[in-house]
C-alpha atoms as a PDB file:
ATOM      1  CA  MET A   1      -8.758  -5.062 -16.774  1.00  0.00           C
ATOM      2  CA  ILE A   2      -7.219  -3.430 -20.668  1.00  0.00           C
ATOM      3  CA  PRO A   3      -5.217  -6.448 -22.286  1.00  0.00           C
ATOM      4  CA  HIS A   4      -2.464  -6.194 -24.176  1.00  0.00           C
ATOM      5  CA  GLY A   5      -2.356  -3.239 -26.797  1.00  0.00           C
ATOM      6  CA  ARG A   6      -6.737  -3.554 -27.411  1.00  0.00           C
ATOM      7  CA  PRO A   7      -7.446   0.873 -27.626  1.00  0.00           C
ATOM      8  CA  THR A   8     -10.170   1.648 -25.650  1.00  0.00           C
ATOM      9  CA  LEU A   9     -13.434   3.117 -25.875  1.00  0.00           C
ATOM     10  CA  ASP A  10     -16.105   5.235 -22.945  1.00  0.00           C
ATOM     11  CA  LEU A  11     -20.071   5.585 -24.031  1.00  0.00           C
ATOM     12  CA  ALA A  12     -18.578   9.099 -25.985  1.00  0.00           C
ATOM     13  CA  GLY A  13     -15.984   7.218 -28.168  1.00  0.00           C
ATOM     14  CA  VAL A  14     -18.500   4.554 -28.658  1.00  0.00           C
ATOM     15  CA  ALA A  15     -21.038   7.036 -30.033  1.00  0.00           C
ATOM     16  CA  GLU A  16     -18.685   9.286 -31.708  1.00  0.00           C
ATOM     17  CA  ARG A  17     -17.722   6.217 -33.535  1.00  0.00           C
ATOM     18  CA  ALA A  18     -21.725   5.661 -34.401  1.00  0.00           C
ATOM     19  CA  GLY A  19     -21.648   9.171 -35.535  1.00  0.00           C
ATOM     20  CA  VAL A  20     -24.387  10.113 -32.875  1.00  0.00           C
ATOM     21  CA  SER A  21     -24.368  12.602 -30.408  1.00  0.00           C
ATOM     22  CA  LEU A  22     -23.348  10.688 -26.533  1.00  0.00           C
ATOM     23  CA  SER A  23     -27.370  11.749 -24.887  1.00  0.00           C
ATOM     24  CA  THR A  24     -29.115   9.788 -28.648  1.00  0.00           C
ATOM     25  CA  TRP A  25     -26.279   6.892 -28.108  1.00  0.00           C
ATOM     26  CA  ARG A  26     -27.629   6.467 -24.757  1.00  0.00           C
ATOM     27  CA  ARG A  27     -31.032   7.453 -25.391  1.00  0.00           C
ATOM     28  CA  GLN A  28     -32.112   4.622 -28.828  1.00  0.00           C
ATOM     29  CA  HIS A  29     -28.579   3.098 -28.990  1.00  0.00           C
ATOM     30  CA  HIS A  30     -26.961   1.975 -25.979  1.00  0.00           C
ATOM     31  CA  ALA A  31     -29.357  -1.020 -23.884  1.00  0.00           C
ATOM     32  CA  ALA A  32     -27.776  -2.997 -27.460  1.00  0.00           C
ATOM     33  CA  PHE A  33     -24.640  -2.470 -27.316  1.00  0.00           C
ATOM     34  CA  ALA A  34     -24.672  -2.788 -23.240  1.00  0.00           C
ATOM     35  CA  ALA A  35     -26.388  -6.635 -24.170  1.00  0.00           C
ATOM     36  CA  ALA A  36     -24.705  -7.349 -26.928  1.00  0.00           C
ATOM     37  CA  VAL A  37     -20.862  -6.016 -25.665  1.00  0.00           C
ATOM     38  CA  GLN A  38     -19.446  -7.080 -22.661  1.00  0.00           C
ATOM     39  CA  HIS A  39     -18.008  -3.626 -20.761  1.00  0.00           C
ATOM     40  CA  LEU A  40     -13.349  -4.232 -20.122  1.00  0.00           C
ATOM     41  CA  PRO A  41     -13.799  -5.837 -15.850  1.00  0.00           C
ATOM     42  CA  GLY A  42     -12.801  -4.251 -13.829  1.00  0.00           C
ATOM     43  CA  SER A  43     -13.700  -0.506 -16.167  1.00  0.00           C
ATOM     44  CA  ALA A  44     -15.681   1.718 -14.248  1.00  0.00           C
ATOM     45  CA  ARG A  45     -16.254   5.488 -14.134  1.00  0.00           C
ATOM     46  CA  PRO A  46     -16.306   5.353 -17.387  1.00  0.00           C
ATOM     47  CA  LEU A  47     -17.261   2.427 -18.119  1.00  0.00           C
ATOM     48  CA  LEU A  48     -14.652   0.791 -20.999  1.00  0.00           C
ATOM     49  CA  TYR A  49     -14.892  -1.296 -24.637  1.00  0.00           C
ATOM     50  CA  ASP A  50     -12.571  -3.190 -26.785  1.00  0.00           C
ATOM     51  CA  ALA A  51     -12.196  -0.810 -29.552  1.00  0.00           C
ATOM     52  CA  ALA A  52     -12.916  -4.302 -31.974  1.00  0.00           C
ATOM     53  CA  GLN A  53     -15.659  -5.111 -30.596  1.00  0.00           C
ATOM     54  CA  ALA A  54     -17.271  -1.889 -29.754  1.00  0.00           C
ATOM     55  CA  GLU A  55     -16.845  -1.208 -33.633  1.00  0.00           C
ATOM     56  CA  ALA A  56     -17.626  -4.851 -34.306  1.00  0.00           C
ATOM     57  CA  HIS A  57     -20.689  -4.467 -33.272  1.00  0.00           C
ATOM     58  CA  LEU A  58     -21.349  -0.783 -34.666  1.00  0.00           C
ATOM     59  CA  ALA A  59     -20.911  -2.815 -38.405  1.00  0.00           C
ATOM     60  CA  GLY A  60     -23.264  -5.980 -37.737  1.00  0.00           C
ATOM     61  CA  ARG A  61     -20.074  -8.054 -37.667  1.00  0.00           C
ATOM     62  CA  PRO A  62     -19.224 -11.048 -35.056  1.00  0.00           C
ATOM     63  CA  LEU A  63     -17.137  -9.441 -31.830  1.00  0.00           C
ATOM     64  CA  PRO A  64     -13.759 -10.342 -32.131  1.00  0.00           C
ATOM     65  CA  ALA A  65     -11.997 -12.899 -28.863  1.00  0.00           C
ATOM     66  CA  LEU A  66     -10.687 -10.709 -25.776  1.00  0.00           C
ATOM     67  CA  PRO A  67      -7.225 -12.379 -25.129  1.00  0.00           C
ATOM     68  CA  THR A  68      -7.571 -15.261 -22.569  1.00  0.00           C
ATOM     69  CA  GLU A  69      -3.976 -15.641 -21.009  1.00  0.00           C
ATOM     70  CA  PRO A  70      -2.874 -12.764 -18.900  1.00  0.00           C
ATOM     71  CA  HIS A  71       0.160 -10.328 -20.342  1.00  0.00           C
ATOM     72  CA  PRO A  72       2.604  -8.295 -18.679  1.00  0.00           C
ATOM     73  CA  GLU A  73       1.903  -5.153 -19.876  1.00  0.00           C
ATOM     74  CA  ASP A  74      -2.560  -5.672 -19.818  1.00  0.00           C
ATOM     75  CA  LEU A  75      -2.910  -2.508 -17.690  1.00  0.00           C
ATOM     76  CA  LEU A  76      -4.430  -3.010 -14.117  1.00  0.00           C
ATOM     77  CA  THR A  77      -6.639  -0.445 -12.464  1.00  0.00           C
ATOM     78  CA  ASP A  78      -5.573  -0.306  -8.486  1.00  0.00           C
ATOM     79  CA  ALA A  79      -7.806  -2.909  -7.119  1.00  0.00           C
ATOM     80  CA  GLU A  80      -6.713  -5.009  -9.500  1.00  0.00           C
ATOM     81  CA  THR A  81      -2.591  -4.288  -9.230  1.00  0.00           C
ATOM     82  CA  GLY A  82      -3.568  -3.799  -5.187  1.00  0.00           C
ATOM     83  CA  GLN A  83      -5.341  -7.832  -5.622  1.00  0.00           C
ATOM     84  CA  VAL A  84      -2.381  -9.195  -7.381  1.00  0.00           C
ATOM     85  CA  ALA A  85       0.200  -7.429  -5.145  1.00  0.00           C
ATOM     86  CA  GLY A  86      -2.001  -8.384  -2.165  1.00  0.00           C
ATOM     87  CA  VAL A  87      -2.642  -4.976  -1.212  1.00  0.00           C
ATOM     88  CA  ALA A  88      -5.116  -2.741  -0.782  1.00  0.00           C
ATOM     89  CA  ALA A  89      -5.634  -0.258  -3.744  1.00  0.00           C
ATOM     90  CA  SER A  90      -5.077   2.269  -0.995  1.00  0.00           C
ATOM     91  CA  THR A  91      -1.637   1.400  -0.686  1.00  0.00           C
ATOM     92  CA  VAL A  92      -1.487   0.936  -3.919  1.00  0.00           C
ATOM     93  CA  ARG A  93      -1.960   4.617  -4.714  1.00  0.00           C
ATOM     94  CA  ALA A  94      -0.125   5.644  -2.004  1.00  0.00           C
ATOM     95  CA  ASP A  95       2.802   4.095  -3.059  1.00  0.00           C
ATOM     96  CA  ALA A  96       2.584   5.640  -6.852  1.00  0.00           C
ATOM     97  CA  VAL A  97       2.944   9.271  -4.669  1.00  0.00           C
ATOM     98  CA  ASN A  98       5.824   7.705  -2.978  1.00  0.00           C
ATOM     99  CA  GLY A  99       8.192   6.445  -5.919  1.00  0.00           C
ATOM    100  CA  LEU A 100       7.380   3.035  -4.402  1.00  0.00           C
ATOM    101  CA  ILE A 101       5.961   2.060  -6.937  1.00  0.00           C
ATOM    102  CA  GLU A 102       5.824   3.556 -10.797  1.00  0.00           C
ATOM    103  CA  PRO A 103       3.124   6.428 -11.606  1.00  0.00           C
ATOM    104  CA  GLY A 104       0.510   3.574 -13.780  1.00  0.00           C
ATOM    105  CA  VAL A 105      -0.203   5.713 -17.420  1.00  0.00           C
ATOM    106  CA  GLU A 106      -3.639   7.848 -17.387  1.00  0.00           C
ATOM    107  CA  ARG A 107      -6.166   6.677 -19.470  1.00  0.00           C
ATOM    108  CA  HIS A 108      -9.490   7.952 -19.907  1.00  0.00           C
ATOM    109  CA  GLY A 109      -9.448   9.776 -16.622  1.00  0.00           C
ATOM    110  CA  ARG A 110      -7.452   6.622 -14.721  1.00  0.00           C
ATOM    111  CA  ARG A 111      -4.428   5.401 -13.396  1.00  0.00           C
ATOM    112  CA  TRP A 112      -4.068   1.557 -14.491  1.00  0.00           C
ATOM    113  CA  TRP A 113      -0.185  -0.189 -13.479  1.00  0.00           C
ATOM    114  CA  THR A 114       1.495  -3.179 -15.874  1.00  0.00           C
ATOM    115  CA  ARG A 115       0.796  -6.264 -14.850  1.00  0.00           C
ATOM    116  CA  ALA A 116       4.213  -6.978 -14.256  1.00  0.00           C
ATOM    117  CA  GLN A 117       4.881  -3.332 -11.831  1.00  0.00           C
ATOM    118  CA  ALA A 118       1.655  -5.386  -9.728  1.00  0.00           C
ATOM    119  CA  GLU A 119       3.903  -8.498  -9.709  1.00  0.00           C
ATOM    120  CA  ALA A 120       7.033  -6.325  -8.786  1.00  0.00           C
ATOM    121  CA  ARG A 121       4.913  -4.861  -5.894  1.00  0.00           C
ATOM    122  CA  ALA A 122       4.410  -8.206  -4.680  1.00  0.00           C
ATOM    123  CA  SER A 123       7.506  -9.610  -4.337  1.00  0.00           C
ATOM    124  CA  ARG A 124       9.167  -6.391  -2.094  1.00  0.00           C
ATOM    125  CA  PRO A 125       7.683  -6.699   1.305  1.00  0.00           C
ATOM    126  CA  THR A 126       5.514  -4.131   3.126  1.00  0.00           C
ATOM    127  CA  GLN A 127       6.133  -1.577   5.177  1.00  0.00           C
ATOM    128  CA  TYR A 128       3.189  -1.434   7.895  1.00  0.00           C
ATOM    129  CA  LYS A 129       3.635   1.685   9.992  1.00  0.00           C
ATOM    130  CA  GLY A 130       1.954   0.870  14.045  1.00  0.00           C
ATOM    131  CA  ARG A 131       0.855  -3.374  14.377  1.00  0.00           C
ATOM    132  CA  THR A 132       0.881  -5.872  12.791  1.00  0.00           C
ATOM    133  CA  PRO A 133      -2.983  -6.545  11.103  1.00  0.00           C
ATOM    134  CA  GLY A 134      -4.559  -9.684  12.259  1.00  0.00           C
ATOM    135  CA  ALA A 135      -2.169  -8.419  15.697  1.00  0.00           C
ATOM    136  CA  ARG A 136      -3.588  -9.990  19.585  1.00  0.00           C
ATOM    137  CA  ASN A 137      -2.358  -7.211  21.155  1.00  0.00           C
ATOM    138  CA  LYS A 138      -4.377  -4.105  22.091  1.00  0.00           C
ATOM    139  CA  GLN A 139      -1.978  -2.225  24.319  1.00  0.00           C
ATOM    140  CA  PRO A 140       0.547   0.081  23.318  1.00  0.00           C
ATOM    141  CA  ALA A 141       3.858  -1.735  23.606  1.00  0.00           C
ATOM    142  CA  GLY A 142       5.997  -0.556  26.448  1.00  0.00           C
ATOM    143  CA  PRO A 143       8.945   1.204  26.851  1.00  0.00           C
ATOM    144  CA  ARG A 144      12.517  -0.571  25.863  1.00  0.00           C
ATOM    145  CA  PRO A 145      14.253  -2.296  28.457  1.00  0.00           C
ATOM    146  CA  ASP A 146      17.372  -0.282  29.766  1.00  0.00           C
ATOM    147  CA  PRO A 147      20.450  -2.588  30.126  1.00  0.00           C
ATOM    148  CA  ARG A 148      22.708   0.415  32.001  1.00  0.00           C
ATOM    149  CA  VAL A 149      19.165   0.210  34.457  1.00  0.00           C
ATOM    150  CA  ASP A 150      21.022  -3.474  34.800  1.00  0.00           C
ATOM    151  CA  ALA A 151      24.295  -1.881  35.415  1.00  0.00           C
ATOM    152  CA  VAL A 152      23.563   0.209  37.280  1.00  0.00           C
ATOM    153  CA  ALA A 153      21.550  -1.656  39.730  1.00  0.00           C
ATOM    154  CA  LEU A 154      24.852  -4.549  39.845  1.00  0.00           C
ATOM    155  CA  GLU A 155      27.483  -0.979  40.984  1.00  0.00           C
ATOM    156  CA  LEU A 156      24.435   0.068  43.919  1.00  0.00           C
ATOM    157  CA  ALA A 157      23.966  -3.845  45.102  1.00  0.00           C
ATOM    158  CA  GLN A 158      28.568  -4.100  45.444  1.00  0.00           C
ATOM    159  CA  ALA A 159      28.023  -0.258  46.435  1.00  0.00           C
ATOM    160  CA  ALA A 160      25.620  -1.450  48.979  1.00  0.00           C
ATOM    161  CA  THR A 161      27.689  -4.490  50.406  1.00  0.00           C
ATOM    162  CA  GLY A 162      31.398  -2.597  50.095  1.00  0.00           C
ATOM    163  CA  GLN A 163      32.714  -4.016  47.189  1.00  0.00           C
ATOM    164  CA  GLY A 164      32.511  -1.413  45.151  1.00  0.00           C
ATOM    165  CA  PRO A 165      33.008   2.988  45.398  1.00  0.00           C
ATOM    166  CA  ALA A 166      29.160   4.829  45.661  1.00  0.00           C
ATOM    167  CA  VAL A 167      27.393   5.953  42.320  1.00  0.00           C
ATOM    168  CA  THR A 168      26.397   9.047  41.764  1.00  0.00           C
ATOM    169  CA  ALA A 169      24.146  11.616  39.364  1.00  0.00           C
ATOM    170  CA  ALA A 170      27.541  12.618  38.007  1.00  0.00           C
ATOM    171  CA  GLU A 171      30.040  10.605  37.493  1.00  0.00           C
ATOM    172  CA  LEU A 172      27.042   8.570  35.433  1.00  0.00           C
ATOM    173  CA  ALA A 173      26.023  11.633  33.620  1.00  0.00           C
ATOM    174  CA  ASP A 174      29.881  12.025  32.018  1.00  0.00           C
ATOM    175  CA  ARG A 175      30.040   7.682  31.600  1.00  0.00           C
ATOM    176  CA  TYR A 176      27.095   7.465  30.292  1.00  0.00           C
ATOM    177  CA  GLY A 177      26.734  10.882  28.507  1.00  0.00           C
ATOM    178  CA  THR A 178      23.907  12.564  28.740  1.00  0.00           C
ATOM    179  CA  SER A 179      22.016  14.785  31.625  1.00  0.00           C
ATOM    180  CA  THR A 180      22.124  14.839  35.366  1.00  0.00           C
ATOM    181  CA  ARG A 181      18.026  14.767  34.619  1.00  0.00           C
ATOM    182  CA  THR A 182      18.985  11.377  32.780  1.00  0.00           C
ATOM    183  CA  ALA A 183      21.352   9.933  34.602  1.00  0.00           C
ATOM    184  CA  GLU A 184      18.741  10.175  38.120  1.00  0.00           C
ATOM    185  CA  ARG A 185      16.080   8.977  36.542  1.00  0.00           C
ATOM    186  CA  ILE A 186      18.862   5.752  35.957  1.00  0.00           C
ATOM    187  CA  LEU A 187      19.301   5.226  39.252  1.00  0.00           C
ATOM    188  CA  THR A 188      16.336   6.178  40.304  1.00  0.00           C
ATOM    189  CA  ARG A 189      15.019   2.666  37.929  1.00  0.00           C
ATOM    190  CA  ALA A 190      18.043   1.320  38.999  1.00  0.00           C
ATOM    191  CA  ARG A 191      17.207   1.820  43.424  1.00  0.00           C
ATOM    192  CA  ALA A 192      13.324   0.607  41.743  1.00  0.00           C
ATOM    193  CA  LEU A 193      14.852  -2.495  40.393  1.00  0.00           C
ATOM    194  CA  LEU A 194      17.141  -3.517  43.674  1.00  0.00           C
ATOM    195  CA  ALA A 195      13.774  -2.934  45.880  1.00  0.00           C
ATOM    196  CA  GLY A 196      11.684  -5.165  43.983  1.00  0.00           C
ATOM    197  CA  ALA A 197      14.089  -7.942  43.669  1.00  0.00           C
END
């Protein structure tokens, strides 16, 4: 997390402020620096440091404290944004690509989102594709029942007792606006429904 309004430095930036090359910094100064100045939480590849704290350490002054209260403009990584929003980091990245969340800002070669954007994402229900997480049924859902089959089965039963006209695939195709083949399928299912009743 990058606290609101706080400039940041990566190792190359710290070395530049110290007036040495990155390789010299790593070899001679980084161990003492890392013991005194903590990198910002959530930062990795690259590790980021608060610029005011880094400069205070380089000048031999006490380190200023970082803000402890969350702010809507704090910058969060994809993992931190997902934690606030209640989704996976990959979902945050996918939402940004698909326009379901702001694209974020780029700093130090990676994307960051504000806490406000993460909280807005948390209030939007997730659009699941596929099975609901935690579902116990392993089998895919079967075909949805076709209400036309029940109606045709009733007509077939009435026709069998002489209380209604014969039912044909051509008449069903005309009534339901389907192909004759689809009407034949409806008729076959209705007969199977009657046979099983």
